[in-house]
C-alpha cells in the first residue's frame, strides 16, 4: 500500500491530477519496484518515529516514481508523511501561513500558490 493518502473528493484540479498521475505511475510498475508499495504496509512512510522516517527516506532514493511523488506532495500539500525522499511538515495553521496559505491540503491548488524561487 502506498503512503500517499487517500484524499476525499472534491479535490482541486491540480491535486486531483497529481493524485491520478502518481497512482497511474505506481500501477504501471510491479509492486516490488516502488519501495513504499513493496513494503506492504507503508508504515515507515507515515510514522513519526525517527528511525522509521530515515528508513522511508532511504527507500525513496531508488524509487522510479520519485518525480510524480514530488508533484503529488506539492499539489496536495502533503501532511506529515515521507514522499519523494523527504518528510513533509505537518500542517498547522502556523505552517500553512508560513507557506502563504491557510487552506487545507484537500483544497490545495484551488488558488495557485505563490512560490518564491
N, C-alpha and C. Protein backbone atom coordinates (compact mmCIF):
# COMPACT_ATOMS: atom_id res chain seq x y z
N UNK A 1 0.84 -1.18 0.00
CA UNK A 1 0.00 0.00 0.00
C UNK A 1 0.88 1.24 0.00
N UNK A 2 0.57 2.18 -0.84
CA UNK A 2 1.32 3.42 -0.94
C UNK A 2 1.02 4.32 0.25
N UNK A 3 2.02 5.09 0.73
CA UNK A 3 1.74 6.02 1.82
C UNK A 3 0.97 7.24 1.34
N UNK A 4 0.83 7.38 0.03
CA UNK A 4 0.07 8.52 -0.48
C UNK A 4 -1.34 8.44 0.09
N UNK A 5 -1.74 9.47 0.80
CA UNK A 5 -3.04 9.40 1.45
C UNK A 5 -4.18 9.32 0.47
N UNK A 6 -5.24 8.67 0.90
CA UNK A 6 -6.46 8.64 0.12
C UNK A 6 -7.16 9.96 0.41
N UNK A 7 -7.27 10.78 -0.59
CA UNK A 7 -7.87 12.09 -0.40
C UNK A 7 -9.33 12.04 -0.82
N UNK A 8 -10.16 12.66 -0.05
CA UNK A 8 -11.58 12.63 -0.30
C UNK A 8 -11.95 13.77 -1.25
N UNK A 9 -12.63 13.44 -2.37
CA UNK A 9 -13.07 14.49 -3.29
C UNK A 9 -14.05 15.41 -2.58
N UNK A 10 -14.26 16.62 -3.00
CA UNK A 10 -13.68 17.17 -4.23
C UNK A 10 -12.28 17.72 -3.97
N UNK A 11 -11.39 17.38 -4.86
CA UNK A 11 -10.04 17.92 -4.81
C UNK A 11 -9.92 19.03 -5.84
N UNK A 12 -9.03 19.95 -5.55
CA UNK A 12 -8.71 20.96 -6.55
C UNK A 12 -8.16 20.25 -7.77
N UNK A 13 -8.38 20.77 -8.97
CA UNK A 13 -7.92 20.09 -10.18
C UNK A 13 -6.45 19.71 -10.15
N UNK A 14 -5.60 20.60 -9.67
CA UNK A 14 -4.16 20.31 -9.63
C UNK A 14 -3.86 19.12 -8.72
N UNK A 15 -4.52 19.06 -7.57
CA UNK A 15 -4.32 17.96 -6.64
C UNK A 15 -4.89 16.66 -7.22
N UNK A 16 -6.03 16.74 -7.86
CA UNK A 16 -6.64 15.55 -8.47
C UNK A 16 -5.75 15.00 -9.58
N UNK A 17 -5.21 15.88 -10.41
CA UNK A 17 -4.32 15.44 -11.49
C UNK A 17 -3.06 14.79 -10.94
N UNK A 18 -2.45 15.39 -9.94
CA UNK A 18 -1.24 14.84 -9.35
C UNK A 18 -1.51 13.49 -8.72
N UNK A 19 -2.65 13.35 -8.06
CA UNK A 19 -3.02 12.07 -7.45
C UNK A 19 -3.21 11.01 -8.52
N UNK A 20 -3.90 11.36 -9.59
CA UNK A 20 -4.13 10.42 -10.69
C UNK A 20 -2.82 10.00 -11.34
N UNK A 21 -1.92 10.95 -11.58
CA UNK A 21 -0.64 10.63 -12.21
C UNK A 21 0.22 9.73 -11.32
N UNK A 22 0.24 10.00 -10.02
CA UNK A 22 1.02 9.17 -9.11
C UNK A 22 0.46 7.75 -9.07
N UNK A 23 -0.83 7.61 -8.91
CA UNK A 23 -1.43 6.28 -8.84
C UNK A 23 -1.28 5.52 -10.15
N UNK A 24 -1.38 6.20 -11.29
CA UNK A 24 -1.17 5.54 -12.58
C UNK A 24 0.28 5.08 -12.73
N UNK A 25 1.22 5.91 -12.30
CA UNK A 25 2.64 5.53 -12.39
C UNK A 25 2.94 4.33 -11.51
N UNK A 26 2.37 4.29 -10.32
CA UNK A 26 2.57 3.15 -9.43
C UNK A 26 1.94 1.90 -10.03
N UNK A 27 0.75 2.03 -10.57
CA UNK A 27 0.03 0.87 -11.14
C UNK A 27 0.76 0.29 -12.36
N UNK A 28 1.53 1.11 -13.06
CA UNK A 28 2.22 0.65 -14.26
C UNK A 28 3.48 -0.16 -13.95
N UNK A 29 3.86 -0.23 -12.70
CA UNK A 29 5.08 -0.92 -12.30
C UNK A 29 4.75 -2.14 -11.45
N UNK A 30 5.68 -3.10 -11.42
CA UNK A 30 5.47 -4.23 -10.50
C UNK A 30 5.56 -3.73 -9.06
N UNK A 31 4.80 -4.32 -8.15
CA UNK A 31 4.77 -3.85 -6.76
C UNK A 31 6.14 -3.75 -6.09
N UNK A 32 7.07 -4.63 -6.45
CA UNK A 32 8.37 -4.62 -5.81
C UNK A 32 9.23 -3.44 -6.25
N UNK A 33 8.86 -2.74 -7.31
CA UNK A 33 9.67 -1.65 -7.85
C UNK A 33 9.49 -0.33 -7.10
N UNK A 34 8.38 -0.19 -6.40
CA UNK A 34 8.08 1.05 -5.68
C UNK A 34 8.25 0.76 -4.19
N UNK A 35 9.26 1.32 -3.54
CA UNK A 35 9.59 0.95 -2.16
C UNK A 35 8.43 1.01 -1.18
N UNK A 36 7.61 2.04 -1.23
CA UNK A 36 6.51 2.15 -0.26
C UNK A 36 5.43 1.11 -0.52
N UNK A 37 5.31 0.66 -1.76
CA UNK A 37 4.35 -0.39 -2.09
C UNK A 37 4.95 -1.75 -1.73
N UNK A 38 6.22 -1.94 -2.06
CA UNK A 38 6.90 -3.20 -1.77
C UNK A 38 6.94 -3.48 -0.28
N UNK A 39 6.96 -2.43 0.52
CA UNK A 39 6.99 -2.57 1.97
C UNK A 39 5.77 -3.32 2.49
N UNK A 40 4.66 -3.24 1.78
CA UNK A 40 3.48 -3.99 2.16
C UNK A 40 2.51 -3.27 3.08
N UNK A 41 3.04 -2.40 3.92
CA UNK A 41 2.14 -1.69 4.83
C UNK A 41 2.39 -0.19 4.82
N UNK A 42 3.52 0.27 4.37
CA UNK A 42 3.81 1.70 4.27
C UNK A 42 3.93 2.44 5.58
N UNK A 43 4.04 1.70 6.68
CA UNK A 43 4.07 2.36 7.99
C UNK A 43 5.27 3.29 8.17
N UNK A 44 6.42 2.92 7.60
CA UNK A 44 7.59 3.79 7.75
C UNK A 44 7.34 5.16 7.12
N UNK A 45 6.58 5.20 6.05
CA UNK A 45 6.34 6.45 5.33
C UNK A 45 5.34 7.35 6.05
N UNK A 46 4.61 6.81 7.00
CA UNK A 46 3.62 7.61 7.73
C UNK A 46 3.94 7.71 9.22
N UNK A 47 5.06 7.16 9.62
CA UNK A 47 5.44 7.13 11.04
C UNK A 47 5.98 8.47 11.52
N UNK A 48 5.92 8.67 12.82
CA UNK A 48 6.55 9.82 13.45
C UNK A 48 7.86 9.42 14.12
N UNK A 49 8.21 8.14 14.05
CA UNK A 49 9.42 7.63 14.69
C UNK A 49 10.64 7.96 13.81
N UNK A 50 11.67 8.59 14.36
CA UNK A 50 12.83 9.00 13.56
C UNK A 50 13.49 7.86 12.76
N UNK A 51 13.63 6.69 13.34
CA UNK A 51 14.28 5.57 12.62
C UNK A 51 13.41 5.14 11.43
N UNK A 52 12.11 5.12 11.61
CA UNK A 52 11.21 4.74 10.51
C UNK A 52 11.25 5.79 9.40
N UNK A 53 11.29 7.05 9.78
CA UNK A 53 11.37 8.13 8.80
C UNK A 53 12.67 8.00 7.99
N UNK A 54 13.77 7.72 8.67
CA UNK A 54 15.05 7.54 7.99
C UNK A 54 15.00 6.37 7.01
N UNK A 55 14.37 5.26 7.41
CA UNK A 55 14.23 4.10 6.50
C UNK A 55 13.40 4.47 5.28
N UNK A 56 12.33 5.21 5.49
CA UNK A 56 11.48 5.61 4.37
C UNK A 56 12.22 6.53 3.41
N UNK A 57 12.91 7.50 3.95
CA UNK A 57 13.67 8.43 3.11
C UNK A 57 14.72 7.67 2.31
N UNK A 58 15.41 6.73 2.92
CA UNK A 58 16.40 5.92 2.21
C UNK A 58 15.73 5.08 1.12
N UNK A 59 14.55 4.55 1.41
CA UNK A 59 13.83 3.74 0.43
C UNK A 59 13.45 4.54 -0.80
N UNK A 60 13.15 5.79 -0.62
CA UNK A 60 12.74 6.65 -1.75
C UNK A 60 13.87 6.89 -2.75
N UNK A 61 15.10 6.74 -2.32
CA UNK A 61 16.23 7.10 -3.17
C UNK A 61 16.27 6.33 -4.49
N UNK A 62 15.72 5.14 -4.52
CA UNK A 62 15.74 4.35 -5.76
C UNK A 62 14.36 4.24 -6.41
N UNK A 63 13.43 5.07 -6.00
CA UNK A 63 12.05 4.94 -6.48
C UNK A 63 11.89 5.47 -7.91
N UNK A 64 11.26 4.68 -8.78
CA UNK A 64 11.06 5.12 -10.16
C UNK A 64 9.94 6.15 -10.34
N UNK A 65 9.15 6.40 -9.32
CA UNK A 65 8.07 7.39 -9.44
C UNK A 65 8.35 8.61 -8.57
N UNK A 66 9.62 8.89 -8.33
CA UNK A 66 10.01 9.99 -7.46
C UNK A 66 9.44 11.34 -7.94
N UNK A 67 9.51 11.61 -9.23
CA UNK A 67 9.02 12.89 -9.76
C UNK A 67 7.51 13.03 -9.56
N UNK A 68 6.77 11.96 -9.82
CA UNK A 68 5.31 12.00 -9.63
C UNK A 68 4.96 12.14 -8.16
N UNK A 69 5.75 11.52 -7.31
CA UNK A 69 5.54 11.60 -5.87
C UNK A 69 5.78 13.02 -5.38
N UNK A 70 6.83 13.66 -5.88
CA UNK A 70 7.12 15.05 -5.52
C UNK A 70 5.98 15.97 -5.97
N UNK A 71 5.52 15.78 -7.20
CA UNK A 71 4.41 16.59 -7.71
C UNK A 71 3.15 16.39 -6.86
N UNK A 72 2.92 15.15 -6.45
CA UNK A 72 1.78 14.85 -5.58
C UNK A 72 1.91 15.59 -4.25
N UNK A 73 3.10 15.54 -3.66
CA UNK A 73 3.32 16.22 -2.39
C UNK A 73 3.09 17.71 -2.47
N UNK A 74 3.57 18.32 -3.54
CA UNK A 74 3.40 19.76 -3.72
C UNK A 74 1.93 20.10 -3.96
N UNK A 75 1.28 19.37 -4.86
CA UNK A 75 -0.10 19.69 -5.23
C UNK A 75 -1.09 19.47 -4.09
N UNK A 76 -0.82 18.47 -3.27
CA UNK A 76 -1.77 18.15 -2.20
C UNK A 76 -1.33 18.70 -0.85
N UNK A 77 -0.16 19.36 -0.86
CA UNK A 77 0.41 19.86 0.39
C UNK A 77 0.47 18.73 1.42
N UNK A 78 1.25 17.74 1.04
CA UNK A 78 1.40 16.53 1.86
C UNK A 78 1.56 16.89 3.32
N UNK A 79 1.04 16.04 4.16
CA UNK A 79 0.92 16.37 5.57
C UNK A 79 1.49 15.28 6.47
N UNK A 80 2.71 15.47 6.97
CA UNK A 80 3.27 14.58 7.95
C UNK A 80 3.64 13.20 7.46
N UNK A 81 3.99 13.08 6.17
CA UNK A 81 4.39 11.79 5.61
C UNK A 81 5.72 11.97 4.87
N UNK A 82 6.34 10.84 4.56
CA UNK A 82 7.53 10.86 3.71
C UNK A 82 7.07 10.63 2.29
N UNK A 83 7.38 11.56 1.42
CA UNK A 83 7.12 11.45 -0.01
C UNK A 83 8.34 11.98 -0.74
N UNK A 84 8.71 11.33 -1.82
CA UNK A 84 9.80 11.79 -2.67
C UNK A 84 11.09 12.03 -1.90
N UNK A 85 11.33 11.20 -0.91
CA UNK A 85 12.59 11.26 -0.19
C UNK A 85 12.71 12.35 0.84
N UNK A 86 11.59 12.91 1.26
CA UNK A 86 11.67 13.91 2.33
C UNK A 86 10.42 13.86 3.19
N UNK A 87 10.58 14.30 4.40
CA UNK A 87 9.46 14.35 5.36
C UNK A 87 8.75 15.68 5.16
N UNK A 88 7.47 15.63 4.89
CA UNK A 88 6.67 16.83 4.70
C UNK A 88 6.12 17.26 6.05
N UNK A 89 6.22 18.52 6.35
CA UNK A 89 5.81 19.05 7.65
C UNK A 89 4.31 18.86 7.88
N UNK A 90 4.00 18.59 9.13
CA UNK A 90 2.59 18.52 9.49
C UNK A 90 1.99 19.90 9.32
N UNK A 91 0.77 19.93 8.80
CA UNK A 91 0.11 21.21 8.56
C UNK A 91 -0.57 21.71 9.82
N UNK A 92 -0.05 22.78 10.27
CA UNK A 92 -0.69 23.51 11.36
C UNK A 92 -1.01 24.88 10.77
N UNK A 93 -1.84 25.61 11.42
CA UNK A 93 -2.17 26.94 10.92
C UNK A 93 -0.90 27.75 10.72
N UNK A 94 0.05 27.62 11.65
CA UNK A 94 1.31 28.37 11.55
C UNK A 94 2.10 27.95 10.31
N UNK A 95 2.23 26.63 10.07
CA UNK A 95 2.98 26.15 8.91
C UNK A 95 2.32 26.59 7.61
N UNK A 96 0.99 26.53 7.55
CA UNK A 96 0.30 26.92 6.33
C UNK A 96 0.50 28.41 6.05
N UNK A 97 0.40 29.23 7.08
CA UNK A 97 0.62 30.67 6.89
C UNK A 97 2.05 30.94 6.43
N UNK A 98 3.00 30.19 6.96
CA UNK A 98 4.40 30.36 6.55
C UNK A 98 4.59 30.02 5.08
N UNK A 99 3.74 29.12 4.57
CA UNK A 99 3.81 28.75 3.15
C UNK A 99 2.95 29.66 2.29
N UNK A 100 2.30 30.63 2.91
CA UNK A 100 1.50 31.58 2.15
C UNK A 100 0.07 31.14 1.94
N UNK A 101 -0.43 30.27 2.80
CA UNK A 101 -1.78 29.77 2.63
C UNK A 101 -2.40 29.44 3.97
N UNK A 102 -3.70 29.48 4.03
CA UNK A 102 -4.38 28.98 5.21
C UNK A 102 -5.42 27.95 4.83
N UNK A 103 -5.27 27.38 3.64
CA UNK A 103 -6.21 26.37 3.16
C UNK A 103 -5.76 24.98 3.56
N UNK A 104 -6.69 24.06 3.57
CA UNK A 104 -6.39 22.68 3.92
C UNK A 104 -5.73 21.98 2.75
N UNK A 105 -5.07 20.84 2.99
CA UNK A 105 -4.44 20.10 1.89
C UNK A 105 -5.44 19.70 0.82
N UNK A 106 -6.67 19.38 1.18
CA UNK A 106 -7.66 18.94 0.20
C UNK A 106 -8.04 20.05 -0.76
N UNK A 107 -7.90 21.29 -0.35
CA UNK A 107 -8.26 22.40 -1.24
C UNK A 107 -7.04 22.99 -1.93
N UNK A 108 -5.91 22.33 -1.81
CA UNK A 108 -4.68 22.83 -2.41
C UNK A 108 -4.85 23.01 -3.90
N UNK A 109 -4.34 24.10 -4.40
CA UNK A 109 -4.39 24.35 -5.82
C UNK A 109 -5.66 25.07 -6.25
N UNK A 110 -6.60 25.26 -5.34
CA UNK A 110 -7.82 25.97 -5.69
C UNK A 110 -7.44 27.36 -6.20
N UNK A 111 -6.50 27.95 -5.54
CA UNK A 111 -5.94 29.22 -5.99
C UNK A 111 -4.45 28.96 -6.09
N UNK A 112 -3.88 29.22 -7.24
CA UNK A 112 -2.47 28.92 -7.42
C UNK A 112 -1.64 29.53 -6.32
N UNK A 113 -0.78 28.73 -5.78
CA UNK A 113 0.08 29.12 -4.68
C UNK A 113 1.23 29.97 -5.21
N UNK A 114 1.54 31.02 -4.52
CA UNK A 114 2.68 31.85 -4.88
C UNK A 114 3.93 31.19 -4.32
N UNK A 115 4.91 31.01 -5.16
CA UNK A 115 6.16 30.40 -4.70
C UNK A 115 7.29 31.37 -4.91
N UNK A 116 8.22 31.31 -4.03
CA UNK A 116 9.42 32.14 -4.20
C UNK A 116 10.55 31.24 -4.64
N UNK A 117 11.10 31.52 -5.79
CA UNK A 117 12.13 30.66 -6.34
C UNK A 117 13.50 31.08 -5.90
